[in-house]
PDB file of all heavy atoms in Angstrom:
ATOM      1  N   ALA A   1     114.076 118.723 110.322  1.00  0.00           N
ATOM      2  CA  ALA A   1     115.568 118.755 110.215  1.00  0.00           C
ATOM      3  C   ALA A   1     115.985 119.306 108.889  1.00  0.00           C
ATOM      4  O   ALA A   1     117.001 120.108 108.904  1.00  0.00           O
ATOM      5  CB  ALA A   1     116.094 117.235 110.369  1.00  0.00           C
ATOM      6  N   ASN A   2     115.263 119.050 107.782  1.00  0.00           N
ATOM      7  CA  ASN A   2     115.626 119.669 106.490  1.00  0.00           C
ATOM      8  C   ASN A   2     115.382 121.204 106.509  1.00  0.00           C
ATOM      9  O   ASN A   2     116.151 121.982 106.018  1.00  0.00           O
ATOM     10  CB  ASN A   2     114.782 119.038 105.407  1.00  0.00           C
ATOM     11  CG  ASN A   2     115.345 117.725 104.954  1.00  0.00           C
ATOM     12  OD1 ASN A   2     116.621 117.450 105.049  1.00  0.00           O
ATOM     13  ND2 ASN A   2     114.448 116.816 104.519  1.00  0.00           N
ATOM     14  N   ALA A   3     114.298 121.560 107.221  1.00  0.00           N
ATOM     15  CA  ALA A   3     113.921 122.923 107.207  1.00  0.00           C
ATOM     16  C   ALA A   3     114.851 123.806 108.080  1.00  0.00           C
ATOM     17  O   ALA A   3     115.167 124.975 107.743  1.00  0.00           O
ATOM     18  CB  ALA A   3     112.457 123.103 107.820  1.00  0.00           C
ATOM     19  N   SER A   4     115.475 123.246 109.144  1.00  0.00           N
ATOM     20  CA  SER A   4     116.359 123.840 109.972  1.00  0.00           C
ATOM     21  C   SER A   4     117.763 123.940 109.383  1.00  0.00           C
ATOM     22  O   SER A   4     118.630 124.623 110.032  1.00  0.00           O
ATOM     23  CB  SER A   4     116.390 123.145 111.371  1.00  0.00           C
ATOM     24  OG  SER A   4     117.077 121.866 111.282  1.00  0.00           O
ATOM     25  N   GLY A   5     118.051 123.144 108.384  1.00  0.00           N
ATOM     26  CA  GLY A   5     119.333 123.136 107.850  1.00  0.00           C
ATOM     27  C   GLY A   5     120.244 122.037 108.480  1.00  0.00           C
ATOM     28  O   GLY A   5     121.465 121.845 108.072  1.00  0.00           O
ATOM     29  N   HIS A   6     119.714 121.293 109.412  1.00  0.00           N
ATOM     30  CA  HIS A   6     120.501 120.182 110.030  1.00  0.00           C
ATOM     31  C   HIS A   6     120.799 119.128 108.903  1.00  0.00           C
ATOM     32  O   HIS A   6     121.856 118.522 108.847  1.00  0.00           O
ATOM     33  CB  HIS A   6     119.745 119.568 111.149  1.00  0.00           C
ATOM     34  CG  HIS A   6     120.567 118.479 111.932  1.00  0.00           C
ATOM     35  ND1 HIS A   6     121.543 118.793 112.844  1.00  0.00           N
ATOM     36  CD2 HIS A   6     120.548 117.085 111.836  1.00  0.00           C
ATOM     37  CE1 HIS A   6     122.022 117.685 113.304  1.00  0.00           C
ATOM     38  NE2 HIS A   6     121.451 116.619 112.678  1.00  0.00           N
ATOM     39  N   PHE A   7     119.811 118.908 108.060  1.00  0.00           N
ATOM     40  CA  PHE A   7     119.953 118.089 106.877  1.00  0.00           C
ATOM     41  C   PHE A   7     119.527 118.833 105.633  1.00  0.00           C
ATOM     42  O   PHE A   7     118.773 119.862 105.767  1.00  0.00           O
ATOM     43  CB  PHE A   7     119.088 116.789 106.952  1.00  0.00           C
ATOM     44  CG  PHE A   7     119.566 115.766 107.893  1.00  0.00           C
ATOM     45  CD1 PHE A   7     118.783 115.394 108.949  1.00  0.00           C
ATOM     46  CD2 PHE A   7     120.804 115.161 107.748  1.00  0.00           C
ATOM     47  CE1 PHE A   7     119.207 114.361 109.852  1.00  0.00           C
ATOM     48  CE2 PHE A   7     121.209 114.161 108.672  1.00  0.00           C
ATOM     49  CZ  PHE A   7     120.413 113.778 109.656  1.00  0.00           C
ATOM     50  N   THR A   8     119.990 118.377 104.439  1.00  0.00           N
ATOM     51  CA  THR A   8     119.519 118.945 103.233  1.00  0.00           C
ATOM     52  C   THR A   8     119.003 117.714 102.413  1.00  0.00           C
ATOM     53  O   THR A   8     119.793 116.783 102.207  1.00  0.00           O
ATOM     54  CB  THR A   8     120.611 119.625 102.533  1.00  0.00           C
ATOM     55  OG1 THR A   8     121.128 120.754 103.223  1.00  0.00           O
ATOM     56  CG2 THR A   8     120.163 120.157 101.131  1.00  0.00           C
ATOM     57  N   ASN A   9     117.729 117.750 101.988  1.00  0.00           N
ATOM     58  CA  ASN A   9     117.125 116.743 101.105  1.00  0.00           C
ATOM     59  C   ASN A   9     117.196 115.305 101.702  1.00  0.00           C
ATOM     60  O   ASN A   9     117.261 114.294 100.952  1.00  0.00           O
ATOM     61  CB  ASN A   9     117.893 116.728  99.718  1.00  0.00           C
ATOM     62  CG  ASN A   9     117.640 117.976  98.957  1.00  0.00           C
ATOM     63  OD1 ASN A   9     116.518 118.494  98.964  1.00  0.00           O
ATOM     64  ND2 ASN A   9     118.672 118.467  98.218  1.00  0.00           N
ATOM     65  N   ALA A  10     117.232 115.188 102.976  1.00  0.00           N
ATOM     66  CA  ALA A  10     117.106 113.857 103.623  1.00  0.00           C
ATOM     67  C   ALA A  10     115.707 113.337 103.384  1.00  0.00           C
ATOM     68  O   ALA A  10     114.756 114.010 103.700  1.00  0.00           O
ATOM     69  CB  ALA A  10     117.502 113.901 105.101  1.00  0.00           C
ATOM     70  N   ARG A  11     115.572 112.114 102.840  1.00  0.00           N
ATOM     71  CA  ARG A  11     114.267 111.548 102.596  1.00  0.00           C
ATOM     72  C   ARG A  11     114.256 110.004 102.639  1.00  0.00           C
ATOM     73  O   ARG A  11     113.216 109.388 102.601  1.00  0.00           O
ATOM     74  CB  ARG A  11     113.784 112.034 101.184  1.00  0.00           C
ATOM     75  CG  ARG A  11     114.668 111.597 100.048  1.00  0.00           C
ATOM     76  CD  ARG A  11     114.302 112.322  98.721  1.00  0.00           C
ATOM     77  NE  ARG A  11     112.931 112.141  98.390  1.00  0.00           N
ATOM     78  CZ  ARG A  11     111.993 113.143  98.313  1.00  0.00           C
ATOM     79  NH1 ARG A  11     112.383 114.288  98.684  1.00  0.00           N
ATOM     80  NH2 ARG A  11     110.777 112.904  97.934  1.00  0.00           N
ATOM     81  N   ASN A  12     115.421 109.421 102.720  1.00  0.00           N
ATOM     82  CA  ASN A  12     115.515 107.947 102.784  1.00  0.00           C
ATOM     83  C   ASN A  12     116.280 107.583 104.066  1.00  0.00           C
ATOM     84  O   ASN A  12     117.056 108.274 104.601  1.00  0.00           O
ATOM     85  CB  ASN A  12     116.309 107.340 101.583  1.00  0.00           C
ATOM     86  CG  ASN A  12     115.875 107.998 100.257  1.00  0.00           C
ATOM     87  OD1 ASN A  12     114.759 107.852  99.878  1.00  0.00           O
ATOM     88  ND2 ASN A  12     116.853 108.604  99.654  1.00  0.00           N
ATOM     89  N   PHE A  13     115.828 106.403 104.601  1.00  0.00           N
ATOM     90  CA  PHE A  13     116.534 105.963 105.798  1.00  0.00           C
ATOM     91  C   PHE A  13     116.468 104.368 105.947  1.00  0.00           C
ATOM     92  O   PHE A  13     115.680 103.716 105.282  1.00  0.00           O
ATOM     93  CB  PHE A  13     115.925 106.561 107.052  1.00  0.00           C
ATOM     94  CG  PHE A  13     114.523 106.188 107.387  1.00  0.00           C
ATOM     95  CD1 PHE A  13     114.257 105.143 108.353  1.00  0.00           C
ATOM     96  CD2 PHE A  13     113.475 106.838 106.799  1.00  0.00           C
ATOM     97  CE1 PHE A  13     112.947 104.803 108.702  1.00  0.00           C
ATOM     98  CE2 PHE A  13     112.180 106.520 107.137  1.00  0.00           C
ATOM     99  CZ  PHE A  13     111.871 105.431 107.971  1.00  0.00           C
ATOM    100  N   ILE A  14     117.494 103.926 106.655  1.00  0.00           N
ATOM    101  CA  ILE A  14     117.468 102.460 107.074  1.00  0.00           C
ATOM    102  C   ILE A  14     116.875 102.517 108.521  1.00  0.00           C
ATOM    103  O   ILE A  14     117.424 103.120 109.445  1.00  0.00           O
ATOM    104  CB  ILE A  14     118.876 101.900 107.081  1.00  0.00           C
ATOM    105  CG1 ILE A  14     119.420 101.863 105.666  1.00  0.00           C
ATOM    106  CG2 ILE A  14     118.839 100.515 107.616  1.00  0.00           C
ATOM    107  CD1 ILE A  14     120.911 101.517 105.494  1.00  0.00           C
ATOM    108  N   ALA A  15     115.804 101.743 108.694  1.00  0.00           N
ATOM    109  CA  ALA A  15     115.163 101.601 110.004  1.00  0.00           C
ATOM    110  C   ALA A  15     115.892 100.529 110.729  1.00  0.00           C
ATOM    111  O   ALA A  15     115.998  99.442 110.250  1.00  0.00           O
ATOM    112  CB  ALA A  15     113.724 101.228 109.758  1.00  0.00           C
ATOM    113  N   VAL A  16     116.426 100.973 111.870  1.00  0.00           N
ATOM    114  CA  VAL A  16     117.159  99.928 112.742  1.00  0.00           C
ATOM    115  C   VAL A  16     116.228  99.463 113.851  1.00  0.00           C
ATOM    116  O   VAL A  16     115.941 100.042 114.806  1.00  0.00           O
ATOM    117  CB  VAL A  16     118.423 100.609 113.407  1.00  0.00           C
ATOM    118  CG1 VAL A  16     119.205  99.649 114.187  1.00  0.00           C
ATOM    119  CG2 VAL A  16     119.224 101.315 112.306  1.00  0.00           C
ATOM    120  N   VAL A  17     115.585  98.314 113.490  1.00  0.00           N
ATOM    121  CA  VAL A  17     114.530  97.664 114.348  1.00  0.00           C
ATOM    122  C   VAL A  17     115.059  96.425 114.983  1.00  0.00           C
ATOM    123  O   VAL A  17     115.710  95.627 114.354  1.00  0.00           O
ATOM    124  CB  VAL A  17     113.251  97.394 113.458  1.00  0.00           C
ATOM    125  CG1 VAL A  17     112.209  96.768 114.280  1.00  0.00           C
ATOM    126  CG2 VAL A  17     112.716  98.761 112.841  1.00  0.00           C
ATOM    127  N   GLY A  18     114.744  96.251 116.226  1.00  0.00           N
ATOM    128  CA  GLY A  18     115.193  95.071 116.944  1.00  0.00           C
ATOM    129  C   GLY A  18     114.341  94.779 118.121  1.00  0.00           C
ATOM    130  O   GLY A  18     113.301  95.439 118.368  1.00  0.00           O
ATOM    131  N   PRO A  19     114.668  93.795 118.911  1.00  0.00           N
ATOM    132  CA  PRO A  19     113.833  93.368 120.109  1.00  0.00           C
ATOM    133  C   PRO A  19     113.747  94.463 121.116  1.00  0.00           C
ATOM    134  O   PRO A  19     114.697  95.167 121.378  1.00  0.00           O
ATOM    135  CB  PRO A  19     114.546  92.087 120.608  1.00  0.00           C
ATOM    136  CG  PRO A  19     115.932  92.226 120.118  1.00  0.00           C
ATOM    137  CD  PRO A  19     115.797  92.854 118.762  1.00  0.00           C
ATOM    138  N   LYS A  20     112.597  94.483 121.702  1.00  0.00           N
ATOM    139  CA  LYS A  20     112.288  95.580 122.726  1.00  0.00           C
ATOM    140  C   LYS A  20     113.197  95.387 123.982  1.00  0.00           C
ATOM    141  O   LYS A  20     113.435  94.256 124.413  1.00  0.00           O
ATOM    142  CB  LYS A  20     110.830  95.553 123.205  1.00  0.00           C
ATOM    143  CG  LYS A  20     109.863  96.211 122.271  1.00  0.00           C
ATOM    144  CD  LYS A  20     108.478  96.120 122.875  1.00  0.00           C
ATOM    145  CE  LYS A  20     107.462  96.848 121.925  1.00  0.00           C
ATOM    146  NZ  LYS A  20     106.142  96.740 122.509  1.00  0.00           N
ATOM    147  N   HIS A  21     113.596  96.459 124.536  1.00  0.00           N
ATOM    148  CA  HIS A  21     114.239  96.503 125.875  1.00  0.00           C
ATOM    149  C   HIS A  21     115.424  95.487 125.915  1.00  0.00           C
ATOM    150  O   HIS A  21     115.568  94.772 126.980  1.00  0.00           O
ATOM    151  CB  HIS A  21     113.248  96.159 127.023  1.00  0.00           C
ATOM    152  CG  HIS A  21     111.953  96.835 126.880  1.00  0.00           C
ATOM    153  ND1 HIS A  21     111.852  98.268 126.855  1.00  0.00           N
ATOM    154  CD2 HIS A  21     110.649  96.409 126.798  1.00  0.00           C
ATOM    155  CE1 HIS A  21     110.565  98.607 126.792  1.00  0.00           C
ATOM    156  NE2 HIS A  21     109.856  97.565 126.711  1.00  0.00           N
ATOM    157  N   SER A  22     116.257  95.519 124.945  1.00  0.00           N
ATOM    158  CA  SER A  22     117.345  94.568 124.792  1.00  0.00           C
ATOM    159  C   SER A  22     118.661  95.249 124.613  1.00  0.00           C
ATOM    160  O   SER A  22     118.868  95.826 123.556  1.00  0.00           O
ATOM    161  CB  SER A  22     117.109  93.554 123.698  1.00  0.00           C
ATOM    162  OG  SER A  22     118.215  92.798 123.525  1.00  0.00           O
ATOM    163  N   SER A  23     119.540  95.331 125.610  1.00  0.00           N
ATOM    164  CA  SER A  23     120.857  95.920 125.420  1.00  0.00           C
ATOM    165  C   SER A  23     121.645  95.157 124.362  1.00  0.00           C
ATOM    166  O   SER A  23     122.353  95.735 123.534  1.00  0.00           O
ATOM    167  CB  SER A  23     121.557  96.012 126.798  1.00  0.00           C
ATOM    168  OG  SER A  23     121.801  94.746 127.312  1.00  0.00           O
ATOM    169  N   GLU A  24     121.490  93.810 124.414  1.00  0.00           N
ATOM    170  CA  GLU A  24     122.195  93.044 123.388  1.00  0.00           C
ATOM    171  C   GLU A  24     121.617  93.330 122.004  1.00  0.00           C
ATOM    172  O   GLU A  24     122.419  93.364 121.058  1.00  0.00           O
ATOM    173  CB  GLU A  24     122.061  91.517 123.675  1.00  0.00           C
ATOM    174  CG  GLU A  24     122.885  90.684 122.635  1.00  0.00           C
ATOM    175  CD  GLU A  24     122.891  89.212 122.887  1.00  0.00           C
ATOM    176  OE1 GLU A  24     123.136  88.840 124.088  1.00  0.00           O
ATOM    177  OE2 GLU A  24     122.580  88.458 121.964  1.00  0.00           O
ATOM    178  N   GLY A  25     120.343  93.469 121.941  1.00  0.00           N
ATOM    179  CA  GLY A  25     119.767  93.871 120.624  1.00  0.00           C
ATOM    180  C   GLY A  25     120.308  95.203 120.034  1.00  0.00           C
ATOM    181  O   GLY A  25     120.582  95.297 118.949  1.00  0.00           O
TER     182      GLY A  25
END
């Protein structure tokens, strides 16, 4: 994504993790 120009210098993220197969999750 950085190489394509979609992002510039993106390197950090918040991982959004929750229960499997859960629409409420």
